[in-house]
Amino acid sequence: MTSLANRRSAILLFSLPDCLHSHRTRLVIKEKEISAELHEVDIANITEEIKFISPYDDFPTLVDRDLVLQNSRVIIEYLDERFPHPPLLPVDPVARAKFRLALDRIEHTWYPEFDKAYKNGALEDSFVDKIKSYFLEIIPLITDSYFMSDDFGLVDCSLAPLLWRIKSLGVEITENKKIIDDYSDRIFNRESFQASLTETERDM
């Protein structure tokens, strides 16, 4: 990798190859077709340059000129405002608030619970039961197209990495299967989603 000091005119994203937060951030970048340099970080072998940018090994990390951001929620909302087309949050304040509540639940409940339950290439049964219940709960919100909308948005960007992993691990939600499978296919078939995948994620 060439000197990062010479590349501060570009947007840089440093992300982990198998991380829910990193994955959704890459997906937002690809969905918005943002010109950004994506750098995959080997957490066991972090260069001094990357250490300087992210001294606490907190990834994903986004660099935009002199701005450095290290929280995926802050990053994706920043990108949505910095690059407003296509918008990934609703304009209506009520709908926007509902999106933010959904995002909060995904990132503070389901992401950490997945990480805790994922061991030795499998998921604990207790998590599988809970995540199945969650997707059944949101069936009315994803039946027609995307989450509460005809348009792909930040909640879909956040659900997508979770869906990809649980399906790759053989978790099947048999109740309302077609609705969930159709929703998954709509997301997984998007060019942005395919472009967001690392080799590690493709091989799951």
Foldseek 3Di string as FASTA:
>chain_A
DPQVVVVLQFKEWEAEQQALLLLLLLLLCLVLVGPYHYHYADLVDGDPRVCVLVVVSQPGWIHHRPDIDRGSVVNSVVVCVVRVPPHQADPDPVRNVVLVVLVCCLVVPVRVQQVVQQDPLAGDPVNLVVVLVVVVVQLVQQQPPHGVDVDHHSSLSSVLSVVLSCVVSPRQNPVVRVSVVVRNCNVCVDPSSVVSHDPVSVVD
